Protein backbone atom coordinates (compact mmCIF):
# COMPACT_ATOMS: atom_id res chain seq x y z
CA MET A 1 71.29 66.77 33.57
CA SER A 2 75.01 67.36 33.36
CA LYS A 3 76.98 67.15 36.58
CA PHE A 4 79.31 69.95 35.43
CA PHE A 5 76.71 72.70 34.97
CA PHE A 6 74.23 71.90 37.77
CA MET A 7 73.81 74.90 40.12
CA GLY A 8 72.11 73.50 43.23
CA LYS A 9 72.02 70.66 45.69
CA PRO A 10 72.49 67.28 43.97
CA ASP A 11 69.80 64.71 44.52
CA ILE A 12 71.88 62.09 46.31
CA MET A 13 69.39 59.45 47.39
CA GLY A 14 66.42 59.91 45.05
CA GLU A 15 63.05 61.06 46.34
CA ASN A 16 63.67 60.61 50.04
CA ASN A 17 66.96 62.57 50.28
CA SER A 18 68.03 60.30 53.10
CA ASN A 19 71.71 59.87 53.67
CA GLY A 20 71.58 57.48 56.64
CA PHE A 21 70.76 59.88 59.50
CA ALA A 22 67.92 58.62 61.68
CA PRO A 23 66.52 61.41 63.90
CA LYS A 24 64.36 58.98 65.88
CA ARG A 25 66.69 56.40 67.35
CA THR A 26 65.26 53.02 68.18
CA ALA A 27 64.98 52.32 71.88
CA LYS A 28 64.94 49.00 73.64
CA PRO A 29 61.52 47.89 74.90
CA GLY A 30 61.29 47.98 78.67
CA THR A 31 63.15 51.27 79.13
CA GLU A 32 61.87 54.63 80.31
CA LEU A 33 61.32 55.76 76.73
CA TYR A 34 59.33 52.61 75.75
CA PRO A 35 57.93 50.84 78.85
CA LEU A 36 56.22 47.49 78.42
CA THR A 37 52.41 47.50 78.58
CA LEU A 38 51.12 44.45 80.43
CA ILE A 39 47.64 43.31 81.47
CA VAL A 40 47.16 40.86 84.34
CA ASN A 41 44.11 39.37 86.04
CA SER A 42 44.93 39.75 89.74
CA VAL A 43 46.99 41.75 92.19
CA GLU A 44 48.97 38.61 93.13
CA ARG A 45 49.97 38.12 89.51
CA GLN A 46 50.92 41.82 89.34
CA SER A 47 53.35 41.37 92.25
CA GLU A 48 54.88 38.30 90.52
CA ILE A 49 55.37 40.27 87.29
CA GLU A 50 56.88 43.21 89.20
CA ALA A 51 59.40 40.83 90.78
CA ILE A 52 60.38 39.52 87.33
CA LEU A 53 60.72 43.09 86.03
CA GLU A 54 62.89 44.06 89.02
CA GLU A 55 65.11 41.01 88.48
CA HIS A 56 65.74 41.90 84.83
CA SER A 57 65.77 45.71 85.40
CA LEU A 58 62.89 46.40 83.01
CA LEU A 59 60.15 49.03 83.25
CA ALA A 60 56.48 48.39 82.54
CA SER A 61 53.02 49.77 83.06
CA ILE A 62 50.85 47.00 84.50
CA GLU A 63 47.05 47.12 84.43
CA VAL A 64 44.90 44.80 86.55
CA LYS A 65 41.76 43.78 84.66
CA ALA A 66 39.87 40.67 85.73
CA GLU A 67 37.49 40.55 82.77
CA VAL A 68 40.24 40.72 80.09
CA PRO A 69 42.57 37.76 79.37
CA GLU A 70 46.13 38.17 80.59
CA ASP A 71 48.53 39.72 78.05
CA ILE A 72 52.25 39.55 78.89
CA ARG A 73 53.55 38.95 75.35
CA GLU A 74 55.78 42.02 75.47
CA LEU A 75 57.46 40.70 78.60
CA ASP A 76 58.00 37.29 77.02
CA PHE A 77 59.55 38.98 74.00
CA ALA A 78 61.84 41.15 76.14
CA LEU A 79 63.02 38.15 78.16
CA SER A 80 63.61 35.80 75.23
CA LYS A 81 67.22 35.51 74.15
CA SER A 82 67.84 34.87 70.50
CA THR A 83 70.37 32.19 69.66
CA PRO A 84 72.40 32.15 66.47
CA GLN A 85 71.73 29.44 63.94
CA VAL A 86 74.45 26.82 63.73
CA PHE A 87 74.60 24.55 60.70
CA ASP A 88 76.36 21.21 60.49
CA LYS A 89 79.50 21.11 58.46
CA VAL A 90 78.90 20.18 54.86
CA LEU A 91 81.23 17.46 53.67
CA GLY A 92 83.28 18.73 50.75
CA SER A 93 85.05 16.74 48.08
CA VAL A 94 88.13 16.38 50.32
CA ASP A 95 87.67 16.17 54.06
CA LEU A 96 90.32 17.36 56.53
CA SER A 97 90.91 13.80 57.69
CA GLY A 98 92.33 12.89 54.26
CA LEU A 99 89.29 10.98 53.07
CA LYS A 100 87.84 11.79 49.69
CA PHE A 101 84.08 11.92 49.15
CA VAL A 102 82.83 10.43 45.89
CA GLN A 103 79.56 12.18 45.21
CA SER A 104 78.20 9.78 42.64
CA ARG A 105 78.27 6.81 45.05
CA GLY A 106 78.18 8.71 48.35
CA ASP A 107 81.22 6.82 49.64
CA LEU A 108 84.27 7.88 51.60
CA ILE A 109 87.49 6.50 50.15
CA ALA A 110 91.10 6.92 51.28
CA ALA A 111 92.90 9.49 49.14
């Protein structure tokens, strides 16, 4: 198809015709739009979880079921802070201290 004689909307992104607009924005878990769903075994545990939620300003729907095992994985995920990976500096052929690294022997020699 020639771009000079095409009379219509060009197919920009293939089959999906998506140009980057996302009508459903992603919301953070623990907000009004996506509250956490938690299951606890007792009313005492429910009050402890509510205190944690209040401290971190999160919203959740908590169900008390004694016969089902406790499930607070969503709360653990919301409270976990991710840390960036930090790698050690790789020694190059010439270090900043003025020492030269000889790769064949693995030695540091004065340059």
